[in-house]
C-alpha cells in the first residue's frame, strides 16, 4: 500500500527543529516549575507558618538561589529572582504600612 511507494529514507529527516522545540519545552518546564514552587512557598510561609513577610522573603530568595544552583539555571533566573524580590519587598512594605 502506501508503505511500498514511499520516498522516505530512514535516517534522512532533519530533526534540528524538533530538538530546539523539545529543548525550549524542557527549559520552560524547568524554569516554570521552579518559579511556581517559589510562588507557592512565599504565601505559605507568610500565612501558613505566620512568618513575617521579610523573613519569608529572605527564606524564599535563599531557596530560589538553591533551586537555581541545583537545576543549573542561567543568569536570567537570578536576575528575575532579585527583581521579583525587590518588587515583593516594596509591595509588602506598602501593605504592612497601610495595614498598620
PDB file of N, CA and C in Angstrom:
ATOM      1  N   UNK A   1       0.820  -1.170   0.000  1.00  0.00           N
ATOM      2  CA  UNK A   1       0.000   0.000   0.000  1.00  0.00           C
ATOM      3  C   UNK A   1       0.879   1.253   0.000  1.00  0.00           C
ATOM      4  N   UNK A   2       0.636   2.157   0.980  1.00  0.00           N
ATOM      5  CA  UNK A   2       1.371   3.418   0.994  1.00  0.00           C
ATOM      6  C   UNK A   2       2.839   3.207   1.348  1.00  0.00           C
ATOM      7  N   UNK A   3       3.112   2.213   2.156  1.00  0.00           N
ATOM      8  CA  UNK A   3       4.485   1.973   2.581  1.00  0.00           C
ATOM      9  C   UNK A   3       5.358   1.489   1.422  1.00  0.00           C
ATOM     10  N   UNK A   4       4.766   0.865   0.451  1.00  0.00           N
ATOM     11  CA  UNK A   4       5.532   0.330  -0.664  1.00  0.00           C
ATOM     12  C   UNK A   4       6.055   1.428  -1.595  1.00  0.00           C
ATOM     13  N   UNK A   5       5.362   2.578  -1.679  1.00  0.00           N
ATOM     14  CA  UNK A   5       5.723   3.625  -2.621  1.00  0.00           C
ATOM     15  C   UNK A   5       6.194   4.893  -1.924  1.00  0.00           C
ATOM     16  N   UNK A   6       6.764   4.798  -0.773  1.00  0.00           N
ATOM     17  CA  UNK A   6       7.198   5.966  -0.007  1.00  0.00           C
ATOM     18  C   UNK A   6       8.580   6.420  -0.468  1.00  0.00           C
ATOM     19  N   UNK A   7       8.773   7.747  -0.503  1.00  0.00           N
ATOM     20  CA  UNK A   7      10.079   8.308  -0.848  1.00  0.00           C
ATOM     21  C   UNK A   7      10.959   8.492   0.383  1.00  0.00           C
ATOM     22  N   UNK A   8      10.438   8.166   1.533  1.00  0.00           N
ATOM     23  CA  UNK A   8      11.170   8.363   2.789  1.00  0.00           C
ATOM     24  C   UNK A   8      12.307   7.358   2.901  1.00  0.00           C
ATOM     25  N   UNK A   9      13.488   7.878   3.276  1.00  0.00           N
ATOM     26  CA  UNK A   9      14.642   7.026   3.524  1.00  0.00           C
ATOM     27  C   UNK A   9      14.999   7.195   4.998  1.00  0.00           C
ATOM     28  N   UNK A  10      15.032   6.107   5.720  1.00  0.00           N
ATOM     29  CA  UNK A  10      15.266   6.132   7.160  1.00  0.00           C
ATOM     30  C   UNK A  10      16.587   6.833   7.484  1.00  0.00           C
ATOM     31  N   UNK A  11      16.518   7.788   8.442  1.00  0.00           N
ATOM     32  CA  UNK A  11      17.712   8.487   8.894  1.00  0.00           C
ATOM     33  C   UNK A  11      18.031   9.758   8.128  1.00  0.00           C
ATOM     34  N   UNK A  12      17.190  10.184   7.218  1.00  0.00           N
ATOM     35  CA  UNK A  12      17.497  11.373   6.419  1.00  0.00           C
ATOM     36  C   UNK A  12      16.656  12.590   6.802  1.00  0.00           C
ATOM     37  N   UNK A  13      15.728  12.447   7.718  1.00  0.00           N
ATOM     38  CA  UNK A  13      14.859  13.559   8.103  1.00  0.00           C
ATOM     39  C   UNK A  13      15.620  14.566   8.971  1.00  0.00           C
ATOM     40  N   UNK A  14      15.433  15.860   8.688  1.00  0.00           N
ATOM     41  CA  UNK A  14      16.039  16.914   9.502  1.00  0.00           C
ATOM     42  C   UNK A  14      15.304  16.997  10.840  1.00  0.00           C
ATOM     43  N   UNK A  15      16.029  16.928  11.932  1.00  0.00           N
ATOM     44  CA  UNK A  15      15.393  16.946  13.251  1.00  0.00           C
ATOM     45  C   UNK A  15      15.864  18.128  14.102  1.00  0.00           C
ATOM     46  N   UNK A  16      16.606  19.058  13.493  1.00  0.00           N
ATOM     47  CA  UNK A  16      17.124  20.192  14.262  1.00  0.00           C
ATOM     48  C   UNK A  16      15.990  21.020  14.864  1.00  0.00           C
ATOM     49  N   UNK A  17      14.933  21.243  14.095  1.00  0.00           N
ATOM     50  CA  UNK A  17      13.783  21.992  14.604  1.00  0.00           C
ATOM     51  C   UNK A  17      13.105  21.277  15.755  1.00  0.00           C
ATOM     52  N   UNK A  18      13.023  19.967  15.674  1.00  0.00           N
ATOM     53  CA  UNK A  18      12.416  19.182  16.745  1.00  0.00           C
ATOM     54  C   UNK A  18      13.259  19.260  18.018  1.00  0.00           C
ATOM     55  N   UNK A  19      14.564  19.212  17.861  1.00  0.00           N
ATOM     56  CA  UNK A  19      15.458  19.295  19.019  1.00  0.00           C
ATOM     57  C   UNK A  19      15.314  20.641  19.719  1.00  0.00           C
ATOM     58  N   UNK A  20      15.229  21.724  18.939  1.00  0.00           N
ATOM     59  CA  UNK A  20      15.092  23.053  19.522  1.00  0.00           C
ATOM     60  C   UNK A  20      13.746  23.206  20.219  1.00  0.00           C
ATOM     61  N   UNK A  21      12.701  22.668  19.615  1.00  0.00           N
ATOM     62  CA  UNK A  21      11.374  22.742  20.226  1.00  0.00           C
ATOM     63  C   UNK A  21      11.348  21.981  21.547  1.00  0.00           C
ATOM     64  N   UNK A  22      11.893  20.782  21.559  1.00  0.00           N
ATOM     65  CA  UNK A  22      11.924  19.985  22.782  1.00  0.00           C
ATOM     66  C   UNK A  22      12.783  20.657  23.842  1.00  0.00           C
ATOM     67  N   UNK A  23      13.923  21.218  23.435  1.00  0.00           N
ATOM     68  CA  UNK A  23      14.781  21.924  24.390  1.00  0.00           C
ATOM     69  C   UNK A  23      14.078  23.134  24.985  1.00  0.00           C
ATOM     70  N   UNK A  24      13.334  23.871  24.161  1.00  0.00           N
ATOM     71  CA  UNK A  24      12.576  25.015  24.661  1.00  0.00           C
ATOM     72  C   UNK A  24      11.483  24.597  25.625  1.00  0.00           C
ATOM     73  N   UNK A  25      10.800  23.505  25.311  1.00  0.00           N
ATOM     74  CA  UNK A  25       9.757  22.999  26.194  1.00  0.00           C
ATOM     75  C   UNK A  25      10.340  22.563  27.537  1.00  0.00           C
ATOM     76  N   UNK A  26      11.457  21.877  27.496  1.00  0.00           N
ATOM     77  CA  UNK A  26      12.084  21.425  28.745  1.00  0.00           C
ATOM     78  C   UNK A  26      12.573  22.613  29.574  1.00  0.00           C
ATOM     79  N   UNK A  27      13.145  23.626  28.914  1.00  0.00           N
ATOM     80  CA  UNK A  27      13.571  24.823  29.634  1.00  0.00           C
ATOM     81  C   UNK A  27      12.408  25.536  30.277  1.00  0.00           C
ATOM     82  N   UNK A  28      11.311  25.679  29.536  1.00  0.00           N
ATOM     83  CA  UNK A  28      10.113  26.310  30.080  1.00  0.00           C
ATOM     84  C   UNK A  28       9.569  25.520  31.266  1.00  0.00           C
ATOM     85  N   UNK A  29       9.613  24.215  31.174  1.00  0.00           N
ATOM     86  CA  UNK A  29       9.130  23.371  32.260  1.00  0.00           C
ATOM     87  C   UNK A  29       9.994  23.530  33.508  1.00  0.00           C
ATOM     88  N   UNK A  30      11.291  23.546  33.343  1.00  0.00           N
ATOM     89  CA  UNK A  30      12.198  23.657  34.491  1.00  0.00           C
ATOM     90  C   UNK A  30      12.072  25.034  35.140  1.00  0.00           C
ATOM     91  N   UNK A  31      12.162  26.103  34.349  1.00  0.00           N
ATOM     92  CA  UNK A  31      12.069  27.453  34.902  1.00  0.00           C
ATOM     93  C   UNK A  31      10.682  27.717  35.477  1.00  0.00           C
ATOM     94  N   UNK A  32       9.645  27.269  34.767  1.00  0.00           N
ATOM     95  CA  UNK A  32       8.282  27.473  35.240  1.00  0.00           C
ATOM     96  C   UNK A  32       7.991  26.712  36.520  1.00  0.00           C
ATOM     97  N   UNK A  33       8.482  25.486  36.609  1.00  0.00           N
ATOM     98  CA  UNK A  33       8.288  24.693  37.823  1.00  0.00           C
ATOM     99  C   UNK A  33       8.996  25.296  39.030  1.00  0.00           C
ATOM    100  N   UNK A  34      10.208  25.771  38.810  1.00  0.00           N
ATOM    101  CA  UNK A  34      10.956  26.398  39.903  1.00  0.00           C
ATOM    102  C   UNK A  34      10.273  27.698  40.347  1.00  0.00           C
ATOM    103  N   UNK A  35       9.815  28.495  39.382  1.00  0.00           N
ATOM    104  CA  UNK A  35       9.125  29.742  39.716  1.00  0.00           C
ATOM    105  C   UNK A  35       7.818  29.461  40.440  1.00  0.00           C
ATOM    106  N   UNK A  36       7.087  28.455  39.991  1.00  0.00           N
ATOM    107  CA  UNK A  36       5.829  28.099  40.648  1.00  0.00           C
ATOM    108  C   UNK A  36       6.069  27.642  42.081  1.00  0.00           C
ATOM    109  N   UNK A  37       7.142  26.917  42.307  1.00  0.00           N
ATOM    110  CA  UNK A  37       7.470  26.488  43.668  1.00  0.00           C
ATOM    111  C   UNK A  37       7.690  27.696  44.578  1.00  0.00           C
ATOM    112  N   UNK A  38       8.397  28.708  44.086  1.00  0.00           N
ATOM    113  CA  UNK A  38       8.645  29.896  44.892  1.00  0.00           C
ATOM    114  C   UNK A  38       7.374  30.707  45.109  1.00  0.00           C
ATOM    115  N   UNK A  39       6.514  30.752  44.095  1.00  0.00           N
ATOM    116  CA  UNK A  39       5.254  31.480  44.225  1.00  0.00           C
ATOM    117  C   UNK A  39       4.363  30.829  45.286  1.00  0.00           C
ATOM    118  N   UNK A  40       4.454  29.531  45.441  1.00  0.00           N
ATOM    119  CA  UNK A  40       3.662  28.832  46.455  1.00  0.00           C
ATOM    120  C   UNK A  40       4.314  28.936  47.830  1.00  0.00           C
ATOM    121  N   UNK A  41       5.634  28.901  47.885  1.00  0.00           N
ATOM    122  CA  UNK A  41       6.350  28.906  49.162  1.00  0.00           C
ATOM    123  C   UNK A  41       6.154  30.213  49.927  1.00  0.00           C
ATOM    124  N   UNK A  42       6.267  31.353  49.236  1.00  0.00           N
ATOM    125  CA  UNK A  42       6.212  32.649  49.934  1.00  0.00           C
ATOM    126  C   UNK A  42       4.892  32.857  50.687  1.00  0.00           C
ATOM    127  N   UNK A  43       3.732  32.734  50.044  1.00  0.00           N
ATOM    128  CA  UNK A  43       2.498  32.923  50.822  1.00  0.00           C
ATOM    129  C   UNK A  43       2.280  31.839  51.874  1.00  0.00           C
ATOM    130  N   UNK A  44       2.803  30.645  51.619  1.00  0.00           N
ATOM    131  CA  UNK A  44       2.687  29.593  52.619  1.00  0.00           C
ATOM    132  C   UNK A  44       3.451  29.971  53.880  1.00  0.00           C
ATOM    133  N   UNK A  45       4.642  30.528  53.707  1.00  0.00           N
ATOM    134  CA  UNK A  45       5.425  30.949  54.870  1.00  0.00           C
ATOM    135  C   UNK A  45       4.765  32.123  55.599  1.00  0.00           C
ATOM    136  N   UNK A  46       4.194  33.047  54.826  1.00  0.00           N
ATOM    137  CA  UNK A  46       3.588  34.231  55.442  1.00  0.00           C
ATOM    138  C   UNK A  46       2.288  33.872  56.158  1.00  0.00           C
ATOM    139  N   UNK A  47       1.403  33.162  55.464  1.00  0.00           N
ATOM    140  CA  UNK A  47       0.072  32.905  56.021  1.00  0.00           C
ATOM    141  C   UNK A  47      -0.040  31.577  56.764  1.00  0.00           C
ATOM    142  N   UNK A  48       0.674  30.571  56.331  1.00  0.00           N
ATOM    143  CA  UNK A  48       0.565  29.256  56.951  1.00  0.00           C
ATOM    144  C   UNK A  48       1.464  29.083  58.161  1.00  0.00           C
ATOM    145  N   UNK A  49       2.662  29.645  58.092  1.00  0.00           N
ATOM    146  CA  UNK A  49       3.639  29.486  59.170  1.00  0.00           C
ATOM    147  C   UNK A  49       3.673  30.722  60.074  1.00  0.00           C
ATOM    148  N   UNK A  50       2.973  31.781  59.662  1.00  0.00           N
ATOM    149  CA  UNK A  50       2.944  33.062  60.391  1.00  0.00           C
ATOM    150  C   UNK A  50       4.328  33.684  60.535  1.00  0.00           C
ATOM    151  N   UNK A  51       5.133  33.569  59.494  1.00  0.00           N
ATOM    152  CA  UNK A  51       6.433  34.227  59.448  1.00  0.00           C
ATOM    153  C   UNK A  51       6.212  35.681  59.051  1.00  0.00           C
ATOM    154  N   UNK A  52       7.093  36.547  59.468  1.00  0.00           N
ATOM    155  CA  UNK A  52       6.995  37.929  58.993  1.00  0.00           C
ATOM    156  C   UNK A  52       7.287  37.943  57.492  1.00  0.00           C
ATOM    157  N   UNK A  53       6.764  38.967  56.798  1.00  0.00           N
ATOM    158  CA  UNK A  53       6.930  38.989  55.345  1.00  0.00           C
ATOM    159  C   UNK A  53       8.396  39.089  54.947  1.00  0.00           C
ATOM    160  N   UNK A  54       9.212  39.800  55.739  1.00  0.00           N
ATOM    161  CA  UNK A  54      10.628  39.954  55.395  1.00  0.00           C
ATOM    162  C   UNK A  54      11.390  38.640  55.578  1.00  0.00           C
ATOM    163  N   UNK A  55      11.129  37.951  56.674  1.00  0.00           N
ATOM    164  CA  UNK A  55      11.789  36.656  56.898  1.00  0.00           C
ATOM    165  C   UNK A  55      11.362  35.637  55.838  1.00  0.00           C
ATOM    166  N   UNK A  56      10.086  35.658  55.473  1.00  0.00           N
ATOM    167  CA  UNK A  56       9.601  34.746  54.435  1.00  0.00           C
ATOM    168  C   UNK A  56      10.232  35.074  53.089  1.00  0.00           C
ATOM    169  N   UNK A  57      10.402  36.362  52.798  1.00  0.00           N
ATOM    170  CA  UNK A  57      11.018  36.764  51.531  1.00  0.00           C
ATOM    171  C   UNK A  57      12.479  36.332  51.476  1.00  0.00           C
ATOM    172  N   UNK A  58      13.197  36.536  52.562  1.00  0.00           N
ATOM    173  CA  UNK A  58      14.609  36.125  52.606  1.00  0.00           C
ATOM    174  C   UNK A  58      14.722  34.608  52.449  1.00  0.00           C
ATOM    175  N   UNK A  59      13.863  33.873  53.129  1.00  0.00           N
ATOM    176  CA  UNK A  59      13.862  32.412  53.012  1.00  0.00           C
ATOM    177  C   UNK A  59      13.553  31.976  51.586  1.00  0.00           C
ATOM    178  N   UNK A  60      12.588  32.637  50.960  1.00  0.00           N
ATOM    179  CA  UNK A  60      12.206  32.299  49.593  1.00  0.00           C
ATOM    180  C   UNK A  60      13.337  32.604  48.610  1.00  0.00           C
ATOM    181  N   UNK A  61      14.022  33.718  48.798  1.00  0.00           N
ATOM    182  CA  UNK A  61      15.142  34.059  47.913  1.00  0.00           C
ATOM    183  C   UNK A  61      16.278  33.048  48.076  1.00  0.00           C
ATOM    184  N   UNK A  62      16.572  32.674  49.309  1.00  0.00           N
ATOM    185  CA  UNK A  62      17.616  31.668  49.545  1.00  0.00           C
ATOM    186  C   UNK A  62      17.227  30.351  48.875  1.00  0.00           C
ATOM    187  N   UNK A  63      15.966  29.968  49.019  1.00  0.00           N
ATOM    188  CA  UNK A  63      15.502  28.752  48.359  1.00  0.00           C
ATOM    189  C   UNK A  63      15.587  28.883  46.841  1.00  0.00           C
ATOM    190  N   UNK A  64      15.307  30.078  46.309  1.00  0.00           N
ATOM    191  CA  UNK A  64      15.424  30.316  44.872  1.00  0.00           C
ATOM    192  C   UNK A  64      16.855  30.169  44.381  1.00  0.00           C
ATOM    193  N   UNK A  65      17.810  30.648  45.166  1.00  0.00           N
ATOM    194  CA  UNK A  65      19.228  30.503  44.800  1.00  0.00           C
ATOM    195  C   UNK A  65      19.622  29.024  44.832  1.00  0.00           C
ATOM    196  N   UNK A  66      19.181  28.310  45.855  1.00  0.00           N
ATOM    197  CA  UNK A  66      19.487  26.877  45.957  1.00  0.00           C
ATOM    198  C   UNK A  66      18.870  26.123  44.778  1.00  0.00           C
ATOM    199  N   UNK A  67      17.617  26.451  44.428  1.00  0.00           N
ATOM    200  CA  UNK A  67      16.986  25.823  43.261  1.00  0.00           C
ATOM    201  C   UNK A  67      17.759  26.143  41.983  1.00  0.00           C
ATOM    202  N   UNK A  68      18.189  27.385  41.848  1.00  0.00           N
ATOM    203  CA  UNK A  68      18.955  27.776  40.669  1.00  0.00           C
ATOM    204  C   UNK A  68      20.252  27.008  40.545  1.00  0.00           C
ATOM    205  N   UNK A  69      20.926  26.821  41.659  1.00  0.00           N
ATOM    206  CA  UNK A  69      22.176  26.064  41.638  1.00  0.00           C
ATOM    207  C   UNK A  69      21.927  24.583  41.383  1.00  0.00           C
ATOM    208  N   UNK A  70      20.885  24.037  42.017  1.00  0.00           N
ATOM    209  CA  UNK A  70      20.594  22.610  41.860  1.00  0.00           C
ATOM    210  C   UNK A  70      20.153  22.279  40.440  1.00  0.00           C
ATOM    211  N   UNK A  71      19.377  23.165  39.823  1.00  0.00           N
ATOM    212  CA  UNK A  71      18.875  22.913  38.476  1.00  0.00           C
ATOM    213  C   UNK A  71      19.782  23.497  37.388  1.00  0.00           C
ATOM    214  N   UNK A  72      20.889  24.110  37.796  1.00  0.00           N
ATOM    215  CA  UNK A  72      21.862  24.704  36.868  1.00  0.00           C
ATOM    216  C   UNK A  72      21.201  25.726  35.945  1.00  0.00           C
ATOM    217  N   UNK A  73      20.431  26.635  36.544  1.00  0.00           N
ATOM    218  CA  UNK A  73      19.737  27.661  35.780  1.00  0.00           C
ATOM    219  C   UNK A  73      20.701  28.786  35.433  1.00  0.00           C
ATOM    220  N   UNK A  74      20.382  29.502  34.365  1.00  0.00           N
ATOM    221  CA  UNK A  74      21.272  30.544  33.852  1.00  0.00           C
ATOM    222  C   UNK A  74      21.083  31.848  34.609  1.00  0.00           C
ATOM    223  N   UNK A  75      21.835  32.857  34.242  1.00  0.00           N
ATOM    224  CA  UNK A  75      21.848  34.138  34.935  1.00  0.00           C
ATOM    225  C   UNK A  75      20.518  34.860  34.936  1.00  0.00           C
ATOM    226  N   UNK A  76      19.695  34.628  33.928  1.00  0.00           N
ATOM    227  CA  UNK A  76      18.375  35.252  33.887  1.00  0.00           C
ATOM    228  C   UNK A  76      17.513  34.863  35.072  1.00  0.00           C
ATOM    229  N   UNK A  77      17.705  33.654  35.572  1.00  0.00           N
ATOM    230  CA  UNK A  77      16.966  33.191  36.745  1.00  0.00           C
ATOM    231  C   UNK A  77      17.283  34.068  37.951  1.00  0.00           C
ATOM    232  N   UNK A  78      18.559  34.337  38.153  1.00  0.00           N
ATOM    233  CA  UNK A  78      18.973  35.121  39.313  1.00  0.00           C
ATOM    234  C   UNK A  78      18.550  36.583  39.168  1.00  0.00           C
ATOM    235  N   UNK A  79      18.606  37.109  37.952  1.00  0.00           N
ATOM    236  CA  UNK A  79      18.150  38.480  37.720  1.00  0.00           C
ATOM    237  C   UNK A  79      16.656  38.598  37.992  1.00  0.00           C
ATOM    238  N   UNK A  80      15.883  37.637  37.519  1.00  0.00           N
ATOM    239  CA  UNK A  80      14.437  37.644  37.775  1.00  0.00           C
ATOM    240  C   UNK A  80      14.143  37.445  39.249  1.00  0.00           C
ATOM    241  N   UNK A  81      14.948  36.632  39.915  1.00  0.00           N
ATOM    242  CA  UNK A  81      14.764  36.391  41.354  1.00  0.00           C
ATOM    243  C   UNK A  81      14.986  37.674  42.145  1.00  0.00           C
ATOM    244  N   UNK A  82      16.040  38.406  41.840  1.00  0.00           N
ATOM    245  CA  UNK A  82      16.329  39.664  42.532  1.00  0.00           C
ATOM    246  C   UNK A  82      15.258  40.710  42.209  1.00  0.00           C
ATOM    247  N   UNK A  83      14.875  40.813  40.931  1.00  0.00           N
ATOM    248  CA  UNK A  83      13.863  41.800  40.536  1.00  0.00           C
ATOM    249  C   UNK A  83      12.531  41.522  41.218  1.00  0.00           C
ATOM    250  N   UNK A  84      12.125  40.274  41.250  1.00  0.00           N
ATOM    251  CA  UNK A  84      10.850  39.952  41.897  1.00  0.00           C
ATOM    252  C   UNK A  84      10.940  40.131  43.403  1.00  0.00           C
ATOM    253  N   UNK A  85      12.105  39.860  43.999  1.00  0.00           N
ATOM    254  CA  UNK A  85      12.256  40.062  45.443  1.00  0.00           C
ATOM    255  C   UNK A  85      12.158  41.544  45.792  1.00  0.00           C
ATOM    256  N   UNK A  86      12.740  42.407  44.976  1.00  0.00           N
ATOM    257  CA  UNK A  86      12.642  43.849  45.217  1.00  0.00           C
ATOM    258  C   UNK A  86      11.193  44.305  45.084  1.00  0.00           C
ATOM    259  N   UNK A  87      10.509  43.837  44.039  1.00  0.00           N
ATOM    260  CA  UNK A  87       9.106  44.203  43.840  1.00  0.00           C
ATOM    261  C   UNK A  87       8.243  43.727  45.014  1.00  0.00           C
ATOM    262  N   UNK A  88       8.432  42.497  45.443  1.00  0.00           N
ATOM    263  CA  UNK A  88       7.640  41.949  46.545  1.00  0.00           C
ATOM    264  C   UNK A  88       7.964  42.664  47.847  1.00  0.00           C
ATOM    265  N   UNK A  89       9.228  43.029  48.050  1.00  0.00           N
ATOM    266  CA  UNK A  89       9.601  43.761  49.271  1.00  0.00           C
ATOM    267  C   UNK A  89       8.906  45.116  49.321  1.00  0.00           C
ATOM    268  N   UNK A  90       8.887  45.825  48.203  1.00  0.00           N
ATOM    269  CA  UNK A  90       8.226  47.129  48.164  1.00  0.00           C
ATOM    270  C   UNK A  90       6.725  46.971  48.376  1.00  0.00           C
ATOM    271  N   UNK A  91       6.113  46.020  47.673  1.00  0.00           N
ATOM    272  CA  UNK A  91       4.674  45.801  47.809  1.00  0.00           C
ATOM    273  C   UNK A  91       4.305  45.360  49.216  1.00  0.00           C
ATOM    274  N   UNK A  92       5.093  44.478  49.805  1.00  0.00           N
ATOM    275  CA  UNK A  92       4.806  44.005  51.162  1.00  0.00           C
ATOM    276  C   UNK A  92       4.991  45.111  52.187  1.00  0.00           C
ATOM    277  N   UNK A  93       6.004  45.936  52.009  1.00  0.00           N
ATOM    278  CA  UNK A  93       6.213  47.055  52.932  1.00  0.00           C
ATOM    279  C   UNK A  93       5.057  48.056  52.844  1.00  0.00           C
ATOM    280  N   UNK A  94       4.579  48.319  51.638  1.00  0.00           N
ATOM    281  CA  UNK A  94       3.436  49.218  51.479  1.00  0.00           C
ATOM    282  C   UNK A  94       2.176  48.637  52.108  1.00  0.00           C
ATOM    283  N   UNK A  95       1.946  47.358  51.893  1.00  0.00           N
ATOM    284  CA  UNK A  95       0.779  46.724  52.508  1.00  0.00           C
ATOM    285  C   UNK A  95       0.877  46.692  54.018  1.00  0.00           C
ATOM    286  N   UNK A  96       2.058  46.448  54.545  1.00  0.00           N
ATOM    287  CA  UNK A  96       2.245  46.446  56.003  1.00  0.00           C
ATOM    288  C   UNK A  96       2.034  47.837  56.574  1.00  0.00           C
ATOM    289  N   UNK A  97       2.490  48.859  55.846  1.00  0.00           N
ATOM    290  CA  UNK A  97       2.302  50.245  56.316  1.00  0.00           C
ATOM    291  C   UNK A  97       0.818  50.635  56.277  1.00  0.00           C
ATOM    292  N   UNK A  98       0.114  50.191  55.260  1.00  0.00           N
ATOM    293  CA  UNK A  98      -1.312  50.509  55.158  1.00  0.00           C
ATOM    294  C   UNK A  98      -2.143  49.747  56.184  1.00  0.00           C
ATOM    295  N   UNK A  99      -1.710  48.547  56.480  1.00  0.00           N
ATOM    296  CA  UNK A  99      -2.450  47.716  57.430  1.00  0.00           C
ATOM    297  C   UNK A  99      -2.282  48.220  58.851  1.00  0.00           C
ATOM    298  N   UNK A 100      -1.136  48.767  59.129  1.00  0.00           N
ATOM    299  CA  UNK A 100      -0.924  49.340  60.460  1.00  0.00           C
ATOM    300  C   UNK A 100       0.054  48.623  61.204  1.00  0.00           C
TER     301      UNK A 100
END
